[in-house]
Amino acid sequence: MPSVMDRVVAVTSRVLQVDPGEIKPQHAFATDLGAESVQSVELVAMFEEEFGIEMDEDEALSVETVGDAAEYIAKVCRQQGVAC
């Protein structure tokens, strides 16, 4: 089963149309990967769908890097009792 980070990279790659090999944990969604605000909202929705969780939109949108997103999603999965 792919790791949380692998799944975050895959979703990010699909939404932002960036080669997954180019996406690193330290990359910021906006400054490094070019995510615009509408794409950030789409990322949150796609992460929720991918992991079967519900995230607080303001909290989720405040996450800046790919690595932080993976950590945040793992935390939400634990809080909601979802295996990820």
C-alpha atoms as a PDB file:
ATOM      1  CA  MET A   1       0.000   0.000   0.000  1.00  0.00           C
ATOM      2  CA  PRO A   2       1.404   3.441  -0.918  1.00  0.00           C
ATOM      3  CA  SER A   3       2.447   5.727   1.927  1.00  0.00           C
ATOM      4  CA  VAL A   4       0.543   8.876   2.851  1.00  0.00           C
ATOM      5  CA  MET A   5       3.351  10.887   1.216  1.00  0.00           C
ATOM      6  CA  ASP A   6       3.136   8.849  -2.009  1.00  0.00           C
ATOM      7  CA  ARG A   7      -0.610   9.412  -2.177  1.00  0.00           C
ATOM      8  CA  VAL A   8      -0.255  13.159  -1.444  1.00  0.00           C
ATOM      9  CA  VAL A   9       2.330  13.417  -4.248  1.00  0.00           C
ATOM     10  CA  ALA A  10       0.054  11.492  -6.658  1.00  0.00           C
ATOM     11  CA  VAL A  11      -2.955  13.731  -5.964  1.00  0.00           C
ATOM     12  CA  THR A  12      -0.811  16.886  -6.138  1.00  0.00           C
ATOM     13  CA  SER A  13       0.622  15.720  -9.453  1.00  0.00           C
ATOM     14  CA  ARG A  14      -2.848  15.141 -10.931  1.00  0.00           C
ATOM     15  CA  VAL A  15      -4.346  18.434  -9.736  1.00  0.00           C
ATOM     16  CA  LEU A  16      -1.375  20.681 -10.541  1.00  0.00           C
ATOM     17  CA  GLN A  17      -0.212  18.714 -13.590  1.00  0.00           C
ATOM     18  CA  VAL A  18       3.342  18.442 -12.273  1.00  0.00           C
ATOM     19  CA  ASP A  19       5.527  15.372 -12.801  1.00  0.00           C
ATOM     20  CA  PRO A  20       5.394  13.374  -9.533  1.00  0.00           C
ATOM     21  CA  GLY A  21       9.184  12.955  -9.675  1.00  0.00           C
ATOM     22  CA  GLU A  22       9.505  16.733  -9.414  1.00  0.00           C
ATOM     23  CA  ILE A  23       7.450  16.984  -6.193  1.00  0.00           C
ATOM     24  CA  LYS A  24       9.475  16.996  -2.965  1.00  0.00           C
ATOM     25  CA  PRO A  25       8.244  17.129   0.662  1.00  0.00           C
ATOM     26  CA  GLN A  26       9.793  20.567   1.186  1.00  0.00           C
ATOM     27  CA  HIS A  27       8.014  22.082  -1.830  1.00  0.00           C
ATOM     28  CA  ALA A  28       5.409  24.744  -1.087  1.00  0.00           C
ATOM     29  CA  PHE A  29       2.181  24.265  -3.035  1.00  0.00           C
ATOM     30  CA  ALA A  30       1.933  27.928  -4.101  1.00  0.00           C
ATOM     31  CA  THR A  31       5.495  29.161  -4.502  1.00  0.00           C
ATOM     32  CA  ASP A  32       7.250  25.980  -5.696  1.00  0.00           C
ATOM     33  CA  LEU A  33       4.438  24.121  -7.484  1.00  0.00           C
ATOM     34  CA  GLY A  34       2.408  27.078  -8.753  1.00  0.00           C
ATOM     35  CA  ALA A  35      -0.908  26.269  -7.063  1.00  0.00           C
ATOM     36  CA  GLU A  36      -3.431  29.076  -7.346  1.00  0.00           C
ATOM     37  CA  SER A  37      -6.175  29.546  -4.756  1.00  0.00           C
ATOM     38  CA  VAL A  38      -8.785  27.616  -6.747  1.00  0.00           C
ATOM     39  CA  GLN A  39      -6.327  24.739  -7.148  1.00  0.00           C
ATOM     40  CA  SER A  40      -5.625  24.774  -3.414  1.00  0.00           C
ATOM     41  CA  VAL A  41      -9.339  24.280  -2.725  1.00  0.00           C
ATOM     42  CA  GLU A  42      -9.395  21.494  -5.330  1.00  0.00           C
ATOM     43  CA  LEU A  43      -6.402  19.847  -3.641  1.00  0.00           C
ATOM     44  CA  VAL A  44      -8.230  19.828  -0.293  1.00  0.00           C
ATOM     45  CA  ALA A  45     -11.279  18.214  -1.907  1.00  0.00           C
ATOM     46  CA  MET A  46      -9.154  15.616  -3.712  1.00  0.00           C
ATOM     47  CA  PHE A  47      -7.199  14.779  -0.533  1.00  0.00           C
ATOM     48  CA  GLU A  48     -10.503  14.288   1.313  1.00  0.00           C
ATOM     49  CA  GLU A  49     -11.710  11.978  -1.447  1.00  0.00           C
ATOM     50  CA  GLU A  50      -8.412  10.073  -1.676  1.00  0.00           C
ATOM     51  CA  PHE A  51      -8.214   9.422   2.066  1.00  0.00           C
ATOM     52  CA  GLY A  52     -11.924   9.246   2.942  1.00  0.00           C
ATOM     53  CA  ILE A  53     -11.659  12.035   5.511  1.00  0.00           C
ATOM     54  CA  GLU A  54     -13.125  15.466   6.166  1.00  0.00           C
ATOM     55  CA  MET A  55     -10.687  18.280   6.831  1.00  0.00           C
ATOM     56  CA  ASP A  56     -11.271  21.720   8.291  1.00  0.00           C
ATOM     57  CA  GLU A  57     -10.930  23.856   5.156  1.00  0.00           C
ATOM     58  CA  ASP A  58      -9.190  26.792   6.867  1.00  0.00           C
ATOM     59  CA  GLU A  59      -6.699  24.466   8.583  1.00  0.00           C
ATOM     60  CA  ALA A  60      -6.102  22.501   5.400  1.00  0.00           C
ATOM     61  CA  LEU A  61      -5.577  25.641   3.305  1.00  0.00           C
ATOM     62  CA  SER A  62      -3.033  26.941   5.823  1.00  0.00           C
ATOM     63  CA  VAL A  63      -0.761  23.936   5.155  1.00  0.00           C
ATOM     64  CA  GLU A  64       2.028  25.196   2.920  1.00  0.00           C
ATOM     65  CA  THR A  65       4.272  22.273   1.962  1.00  0.00           C
ATOM     66  CA  VAL A  66       3.766  18.793   0.556  1.00  0.00           C
ATOM     67  CA  GLY A  67       5.442  17.240   3.623  1.00  0.00           C
ATOM     68  CA  ASP A  68       3.262  19.241   6.012  1.00  0.00           C
ATOM     69  CA  ALA A  69       0.185  18.151   4.049  1.00  0.00           C
ATOM     70  CA  ALA A  70       1.147  14.487   4.467  1.00  0.00           C
ATOM     71  CA  GLU A  71       1.626  14.994   8.235  1.00  0.00           C
ATOM     72  CA  TYR A  72      -1.654  16.902   8.550  1.00  0.00           C
ATOM     73  CA  ILE A  73      -3.591  14.268   6.594  1.00  0.00           C
ATOM     74  CA  ALA A  74      -2.084  11.454   8.690  1.00  0.00           C
ATOM     75  CA  LYS A  75      -3.147  13.332  11.845  1.00  0.00           C
ATOM     76  CA  VAL A  76      -6.709  13.813  10.545  1.00  0.00           C
ATOM     77  CA  CYS A  77      -6.886  10.124   9.582  1.00  0.00           C
ATOM     78  CA  ARG A  78      -5.887   9.161  13.144  1.00  0.00           C
ATOM     79  CA  GLN A  79      -8.432  11.581  14.645  1.00  0.00           C
ATOM     80  CA  GLN A  80     -11.215  10.223  12.445  1.00  0.00           C
ATOM     81  CA  GLY A  81     -10.216   6.566  12.848  1.00  0.00           C
ATOM     82  CA  VAL A  82      -9.454   6.137   9.160  1.00  0.00           C
ATOM     83  CA  ALA A  83      -6.653   3.806   8.105  1.00  0.00           C
ATOM     84  CA  CYS A  84      -4.323   5.592   5.753  1.00  0.00           C
END
